[in-house]
N, C-alpha and C. Protein backbone atom coordinates (compact mmCIF):
# COMPACT_ATOMS: atom_id res chain seq x y z
N ILE A 1 0.86 -1.19 0.00
CA ILE A 1 0.00 0.00 0.00
C ILE A 1 0.90 1.24 0.00
N ARG A 2 0.54 2.19 -0.80
CA ARG A 2 1.33 3.42 -0.89
C ARG A 2 1.02 4.33 0.30
N MET A 3 1.99 5.17 0.67
CA MET A 3 1.82 6.03 1.84
C MET A 3 0.67 7.01 1.68
N LYS A 4 0.49 7.56 0.49
CA LYS A 4 -0.60 8.51 0.28
C LYS A 4 -1.95 7.82 0.51
N GLU A 5 -2.10 6.60 0.02
CA GLU A 5 -3.33 5.84 0.24
C GLU A 5 -3.52 5.53 1.72
N LEU A 6 -2.43 5.19 2.39
CA LEU A 6 -2.50 4.89 3.82
C LEU A 6 -2.88 6.13 4.61
N LYS A 7 -2.33 7.27 4.21
CA LYS A 7 -2.67 8.53 4.88
C LYS A 7 -4.16 8.83 4.72
N GLU A 8 -4.70 8.64 3.53
CA GLU A 8 -6.14 8.87 3.31
C GLU A 8 -6.99 7.88 4.10
N TYR A 9 -6.56 6.63 4.16
CA TYR A 9 -7.26 5.63 4.96
C TYR A 9 -7.25 6.06 6.43
N ALA A 10 -6.09 6.51 6.91
CA ALA A 10 -5.97 6.95 8.30
C ALA A 10 -6.89 8.13 8.58
N LEU A 11 -6.90 9.09 7.69
CA LEU A 11 -7.74 10.27 7.87
C LEU A 11 -9.20 9.87 7.96
N ASP A 12 -9.68 9.07 7.02
CA ASP A 12 -11.08 8.64 7.04
C ASP A 12 -11.39 7.82 8.29
N SER A 13 -10.51 6.91 8.63
CA SER A 13 -10.73 6.02 9.76
C SER A 13 -10.74 6.78 11.09
N LEU A 14 -9.75 7.64 11.28
CA LEU A 14 -9.63 8.37 12.54
C LEU A 14 -10.74 9.39 12.72
N LEU A 15 -11.02 10.17 11.68
CA LEU A 15 -12.08 11.18 11.79
C LEU A 15 -13.45 10.53 11.93
N GLY A 16 -13.62 9.36 11.35
CA GLY A 16 -14.88 8.63 11.49
C GLY A 16 -15.10 8.10 12.89
N ALA A 17 -14.03 7.70 13.55
CA ALA A 17 -14.12 7.11 14.89
C ALA A 17 -14.13 8.15 16.00
N ILE A 18 -13.54 9.31 15.74
CA ILE A 18 -13.38 10.34 16.78
C ILE A 18 -13.86 11.66 16.21
N PRO A 19 -15.16 11.96 16.37
CA PRO A 19 -15.73 13.15 15.74
C PRO A 19 -15.06 14.47 16.12
N GLU A 20 -14.53 14.57 17.33
CA GLU A 20 -13.91 15.82 17.76
C GLU A 20 -12.49 16.00 17.23
N LEU A 21 -11.92 14.96 16.65
CA LEU A 21 -10.59 15.04 16.06
C LEU A 21 -10.66 15.90 14.80
N LYS A 22 -9.63 16.74 14.61
CA LYS A 22 -9.60 17.62 13.44
C LYS A 22 -8.27 17.50 12.73
N ARG A 23 -8.32 17.63 11.42
CA ARG A 23 -7.09 17.69 10.63
C ARG A 23 -6.54 19.11 10.72
N VAL A 24 -5.23 19.22 10.85
CA VAL A 24 -4.57 20.52 10.87
C VAL A 24 -3.89 20.70 9.52
N GLY A 25 -4.36 21.68 8.76
CA GLY A 25 -3.76 21.97 7.46
C GLY A 25 -4.11 20.93 6.42
N GLU A 26 -3.63 21.19 5.25
CA GLU A 26 -3.86 20.30 4.11
C GLU A 26 -2.53 19.79 3.59
N GLY A 27 -1.60 19.52 4.48
CA GLY A 27 -0.26 19.13 4.10
C GLY A 27 -0.21 18.12 2.97
N GLU A 28 0.68 18.36 2.04
CA GLU A 28 0.80 17.51 0.86
C GLU A 28 1.78 16.35 1.05
N ALA A 29 2.57 16.38 2.11
CA ALA A 29 3.53 15.29 2.32
C ALA A 29 2.75 13.99 2.50
N PRO A 30 3.03 12.98 1.68
CA PRO A 30 2.25 11.75 1.75
C PRO A 30 2.51 10.92 3.00
N HIS A 31 3.56 11.25 3.74
CA HIS A 31 3.93 10.44 4.89
C HIS A 31 3.66 11.12 6.23
N ILE A 32 3.03 12.30 6.23
CA ILE A 32 2.78 13.01 7.48
C ILE A 32 1.33 13.48 7.53
N LEU A 33 0.70 13.24 8.68
CA LEU A 33 -0.66 13.69 8.92
C LEU A 33 -0.66 14.43 10.25
N CYS A 34 -1.09 15.67 10.24
CA CYS A 34 -1.16 16.46 11.47
C CYS A 34 -2.62 16.56 11.88
N LEU A 35 -2.87 16.22 13.14
CA LEU A 35 -4.22 16.20 13.69
C LEU A 35 -4.23 16.94 15.02
N THR A 36 -5.41 17.29 15.48
CA THR A 36 -5.55 17.85 16.81
C THR A 36 -6.77 17.27 17.48
N LEU A 37 -6.63 17.05 18.77
CA LEU A 37 -7.74 16.63 19.61
C LEU A 37 -7.94 17.74 20.62
N PRO A 38 -8.75 18.75 20.25
CA PRO A 38 -8.91 19.93 21.10
C PRO A 38 -9.32 19.57 22.52
N GLY A 39 -8.67 20.24 23.47
CA GLY A 39 -8.98 20.01 24.86
C GLY A 39 -8.08 18.98 25.52
N TYR A 40 -7.27 18.31 24.75
CA TYR A 40 -6.33 17.32 25.26
C TYR A 40 -4.92 17.82 24.97
N LYS A 41 -4.01 17.63 25.89
CA LYS A 41 -2.62 18.05 25.70
C LYS A 41 -1.89 17.01 24.86
N SER A 42 -1.24 17.48 23.80
CA SER A 42 -0.56 16.54 22.90
C SER A 42 0.54 15.75 23.62
N GLU A 43 1.23 16.38 24.57
CA GLU A 43 2.29 15.68 25.28
C GLU A 43 1.73 14.50 26.06
N VAL A 44 0.54 14.67 26.62
CA VAL A 44 -0.10 13.58 27.36
C VAL A 44 -0.55 12.48 26.39
N LEU A 45 -1.14 12.89 25.27
CA LEU A 45 -1.55 11.90 24.26
C LEU A 45 -0.36 11.09 23.77
N VAL A 46 0.76 11.77 23.51
CA VAL A 46 1.96 11.09 23.03
C VAL A 46 2.41 10.04 24.05
N ARG A 47 2.42 10.41 25.32
CA ARG A 47 2.86 9.49 26.37
C ARG A 47 1.91 8.30 26.50
N VAL A 48 0.60 8.59 26.56
CA VAL A 48 -0.39 7.52 26.72
C VAL A 48 -0.38 6.58 25.51
N LEU A 49 -0.33 7.14 24.32
CA LEU A 49 -0.27 6.30 23.11
C LEU A 49 1.03 5.49 23.09
N GLY A 50 2.12 6.11 23.49
CA GLY A 50 3.40 5.40 23.56
C GLY A 50 3.34 4.21 24.51
N ASP A 51 2.66 4.40 25.63
CA ASP A 51 2.48 3.30 26.58
C ASP A 51 1.69 2.15 25.97
N MET A 52 0.88 2.46 24.95
CA MET A 52 0.10 1.43 24.25
C MET A 52 0.84 0.91 23.02
N GLY A 53 2.08 1.35 22.83
CA GLY A 53 2.88 0.87 21.71
C GLY A 53 2.67 1.61 20.41
N VAL A 54 2.06 2.80 20.49
CA VAL A 54 1.80 3.60 19.29
C VAL A 54 2.64 4.87 19.37
N CYS A 55 3.45 5.12 18.35
CA CYS A 55 4.34 6.28 18.35
C CYS A 55 3.78 7.39 17.48
N VAL A 56 3.54 8.54 18.08
CA VAL A 56 3.19 9.78 17.39
C VAL A 56 4.05 10.87 18.00
N SER A 57 4.05 12.05 17.39
CA SER A 57 4.86 13.17 17.88
C SER A 57 3.96 14.34 18.21
N ALA A 58 4.36 15.12 19.21
CA ALA A 58 3.58 16.28 19.63
C ALA A 58 3.88 17.49 18.77
N GLY A 59 2.87 18.32 18.54
CA GLY A 59 3.05 19.61 17.89
C GLY A 59 3.54 19.54 16.46
N SER A 60 4.25 20.57 16.05
CA SER A 60 4.79 20.62 14.69
C SER A 60 6.25 20.21 14.73
N ALA A 61 6.75 19.73 13.62
CA ALA A 61 8.12 19.23 13.57
C ALA A 61 9.14 20.33 13.85
N CYS A 62 8.84 21.56 13.50
CA CYS A 62 9.81 22.65 13.62
C CYS A 62 9.89 23.25 15.02
N HIS A 63 8.91 23.00 15.84
CA HIS A 63 8.86 23.71 17.12
C HIS A 63 8.52 22.78 18.27
N ARG A 64 9.25 21.69 18.37
CA ARG A 64 9.01 20.76 19.46
C ARG A 64 9.17 21.46 20.80
N GLY A 65 8.17 21.28 21.67
CA GLY A 65 8.27 21.81 23.02
C GLY A 65 7.80 23.24 23.19
N ARG A 66 7.47 23.92 22.11
CA ARG A 66 6.93 25.28 22.24
C ARG A 66 5.89 25.50 21.16
N PRO A 67 5.03 26.50 21.36
CA PRO A 67 3.96 26.73 20.38
C PRO A 67 4.50 27.00 18.98
N SER A 68 3.83 26.47 18.01
CA SER A 68 4.25 26.62 16.62
C SER A 68 3.75 27.93 16.03
N HIS A 69 4.67 28.71 15.47
CA HIS A 69 4.25 29.94 14.79
C HIS A 69 3.42 29.60 13.56
N VAL A 70 3.64 28.43 12.98
CA VAL A 70 2.85 28.00 11.82
C VAL A 70 1.40 27.79 12.23
N PHE A 71 1.18 27.11 13.34
CA PHE A 71 -0.19 26.89 13.82
C PHE A 71 -0.85 28.22 14.17
N ALA A 72 -0.08 29.12 14.79
CA ALA A 72 -0.63 30.43 15.14
C ALA A 72 -1.01 31.21 13.88
N ALA A 73 -0.16 31.16 12.86
CA ALA A 73 -0.45 31.86 11.61
C ALA A 73 -1.67 31.28 10.91
N MET A 74 -1.94 30.01 11.14
CA MET A 74 -3.12 29.36 10.57
C MET A 74 -4.39 29.76 11.32
N GLY A 75 -4.21 30.46 12.44
CA GLY A 75 -5.36 30.89 13.22
C GLY A 75 -5.94 29.82 14.13
N LEU A 76 -5.14 28.80 14.46
CA LEU A 76 -5.64 27.76 15.34
C LEU A 76 -5.85 28.31 16.74
N PRO A 77 -6.98 28.03 17.35
CA PRO A 77 -7.18 28.41 18.75
C PRO A 77 -6.17 27.67 19.64
N LYS A 78 -5.90 28.22 20.81
CA LYS A 78 -4.91 27.63 21.71
C LYS A 78 -5.21 26.18 22.03
N ASN A 79 -6.48 25.84 22.28
CA ASN A 79 -6.78 24.45 22.65
C ASN A 79 -6.50 23.49 21.49
N GLU A 80 -6.59 23.97 20.24
CA GLU A 80 -6.25 23.13 19.09
C GLU A 80 -4.74 23.03 18.92
N MET A 81 -4.02 24.13 19.17
CA MET A 81 -2.55 24.08 19.11
C MET A 81 -2.02 23.12 20.17
N ASP A 82 -2.59 23.21 21.38
CA ASP A 82 -2.13 22.37 22.48
C ASP A 82 -2.38 20.89 22.22
N GLY A 83 -3.42 20.56 21.46
CA GLY A 83 -3.76 19.17 21.20
C GLY A 83 -3.22 18.61 19.91
N ALA A 84 -2.35 19.37 19.22
CA ALA A 84 -1.86 18.94 17.91
C ALA A 84 -0.79 17.86 18.03
N PHE A 85 -0.89 16.87 17.16
CA PHE A 85 0.11 15.81 17.09
C PHE A 85 0.27 15.34 15.65
N ARG A 86 1.43 14.72 15.38
CA ARG A 86 1.76 14.26 14.03
C ARG A 86 1.81 12.74 13.99
N VAL A 87 1.27 12.23 12.91
CA VAL A 87 1.38 10.80 12.60
C VAL A 87 2.25 10.71 11.36
N SER A 88 3.31 9.93 11.43
CA SER A 88 4.20 9.75 10.28
C SER A 88 4.10 8.31 9.80
N PHE A 89 4.12 8.16 8.48
CA PHE A 89 4.00 6.84 7.87
C PHE A 89 5.31 6.46 7.19
N SER A 90 5.57 5.18 7.15
CA SER A 90 6.71 4.65 6.39
C SER A 90 6.17 3.62 5.41
N PRO A 91 6.99 3.22 4.45
CA PRO A 91 6.54 2.19 3.51
C PRO A 91 6.18 0.87 4.20
N ASP A 92 6.67 0.68 5.42
CA ASP A 92 6.39 -0.56 6.15
C ASP A 92 5.06 -0.55 6.88
N ASN A 93 4.42 0.61 7.03
CA ASN A 93 3.15 0.68 7.74
C ASN A 93 2.02 0.05 6.93
N THR A 94 1.02 -0.45 7.66
CA THR A 94 -0.12 -1.14 7.05
C THR A 94 -1.43 -0.55 7.56
N ARG A 95 -2.52 -0.98 6.96
CA ARG A 95 -3.84 -0.58 7.45
C ARG A 95 -4.04 -1.08 8.88
N GLU A 96 -3.48 -2.22 9.19
CA GLU A 96 -3.59 -2.76 10.55
C GLU A 96 -2.91 -1.82 11.55
N ASP A 97 -1.81 -1.19 11.15
CA ASP A 97 -1.16 -0.21 12.02
C ASP A 97 -2.09 0.98 12.26
N VAL A 98 -2.76 1.43 11.22
CA VAL A 98 -3.70 2.54 11.36
C VAL A 98 -4.87 2.13 12.25
N ASP A 99 -5.35 0.90 12.09
CA ASP A 99 -6.43 0.42 12.94
C ASP A 99 -6.00 0.40 14.40
N GLY A 100 -4.75 0.00 14.65
CA GLY A 100 -4.22 0.02 16.01
C GLY A 100 -4.13 1.43 16.56
N LEU A 101 -3.72 2.38 15.73
CA LEU A 101 -3.68 3.78 16.14
C LEU A 101 -5.08 4.26 16.50
N ARG A 102 -6.05 3.94 15.65
CA ARG A 102 -7.42 4.37 15.91
C ARG A 102 -7.92 3.81 17.24
N GLU A 103 -7.73 2.53 17.47
CA GLU A 103 -8.19 1.91 18.72
C GLU A 103 -7.49 2.53 19.93
N ALA A 104 -6.19 2.76 19.82
CA ALA A 104 -5.44 3.35 20.93
C ALA A 104 -5.87 4.79 21.18
N LEU A 105 -6.11 5.55 20.12
CA LEU A 105 -6.52 6.94 20.28
C LEU A 105 -7.90 7.04 20.92
N VAL A 106 -8.80 6.15 20.54
CA VAL A 106 -10.13 6.13 21.18
C VAL A 106 -9.98 5.82 22.67
N LYS A 107 -9.15 4.83 23.01
CA LYS A 107 -8.93 4.48 24.42
C LYS A 107 -8.31 5.65 25.17
N ALA A 108 -7.33 6.30 24.55
CA ALA A 108 -6.67 7.44 25.20
C ALA A 108 -7.66 8.56 25.45
N ARG A 109 -8.46 8.88 24.44
CA ARG A 109 -9.45 9.94 24.59
C ARG A 109 -10.43 9.61 25.71
N ASP A 110 -10.88 8.37 25.74
CA ASP A 110 -11.87 7.97 26.73
C ASP A 110 -11.30 7.90 28.14
N SER A 111 -10.00 7.68 28.27
CA SER A 111 -9.41 7.51 29.60
C SER A 111 -8.87 8.81 30.19
N LEU A 112 -8.69 9.82 29.37
CA LEU A 112 -8.13 11.08 29.85
C LEU A 112 -9.22 12.11 30.12
N PHE A 113 -8.98 12.93 31.08
CA PHE A 113 -9.89 14.05 31.33
C PHE A 113 -9.58 15.14 30.33
N THR A 114 -10.58 15.68 29.72
CA THR A 114 -10.39 16.79 28.80
C THR A 114 -10.03 18.04 29.58
N THR A 115 -9.25 18.90 28.97
CA THR A 115 -8.89 20.16 29.61
C THR A 115 -9.86 21.27 29.24
N LEU A 116 -10.89 20.92 28.46
CA LEU A 116 -11.89 21.93 28.12
C LEU A 116 -12.68 22.30 29.36
N SER A 117 -13.00 23.59 29.50
CA SER A 117 -13.81 23.98 30.65
C SER A 117 -15.24 24.20 30.26
């Protein structure tokens, strides 16, 4: 399966399972998908998903650990910037990997308290 097809499968699968999940930008890179789960801290999601064996990265690639000027320029609200994370694909990834990500993300969302007030 090609990475672009896998990225589209991931987008459809994840957004279908988690209605509050949002895509950040329309990035053309076939191997990177940026998403946000507003109200949840990306650092916490990264840790919880990692504990489940799923690797994702927090925020934007250029500004690890601090707010992204790119996200700010896009007009993302703070709660969306705080919840942003990246999913990266390799030629070795499969639909089953995406299914595992979806299941883990649903569990993480359900087990964490939202920071929304």
